[in-house]
């Protein structure tokens, strides 16, 4: 069973913790087709070994924390493939076991490593399961009660899978943040929450991040607050906003590459280099972030560059 104090202990060390990069990015780089509505989560059923290999690539690059392949996984999504609810739930919960498997294999192959790798169970936004880009707007067209009904069972399922931390990520709206704020009161593992933002001050739905972060300042289970899947140039300002609104919490930042995603063509444009990420990582840490990493289009070379500036191979946060 996972030690549910591991994440808190890592934070208390006060050293930077390096999160992995985009799982789908590495799966595509390894030649896997993830162009379905389930995205990388489809491989939980068809090729779990590929997910383990992608996790391992990030560990070899220097990551201290792996995020599971459950971001876009949902009971509804798997049932559209003809799977039963029981099998769907087994696949979702199994995403945490696959990340743990990669960690175990890494530690077996590196017996002298002092790293204590953390496993984060990804709790993606409702829009991630729609595969229509609405995860970047928060404009879902459903009621708050329907949103609770979506999140509650999946959150319980992932909490019961015994990760080190629940990673509620890419949350685009004040309303969805409020739903998760309530539901996270009842979990047994610590959590972080990170928001997708459209500029240096606002979530994707236009809500001020300062206002949304303040919801979690006194939350008993949310230990870190920040941003992910947001353009890198906005991150420093956003870190400062979160620090002001929730001074008692650790700050997390794992942006995307700054490229633009077109939901209609399902393609990306633009680029950022690993060395630019390394320079940015130093700036984010100076601004107050303790957990840093990458999201979409950030692969192992980007994480390795960040690890380099943090003093790899012992970047320290989870050692």
Foldseek 3Di string as FASTA:
>chain_A
DADLCLQVVLVVVVFFAEEEAALLLQLVVVPDDQPDLQRPLVCLPVPLVSSLVQLLLQVVLAHQEYEFSLQQQFLVLVVVVVDDSVVSLCSLLCRQVSNVVSVVVVCVVVVPDPGDHFYEYEHHAPVSSVLQPCLLAVPDPDDLVVRLVRRQVSVASNLVSHGNEYEYAQRQDLSNLVSVLVNQLPGDHAYEYAHEPDALAAGSNRHGLLVSLLSCLPRPRHAEYYHEQYALVNGLSRLLSNCVNRVRHAYEYAYEQRWDADSVVRDTDDGHDLLVLLVSLVSNVVSGHRYYYYYHPQGSSNSSSVCVSCPPPCSPSSD
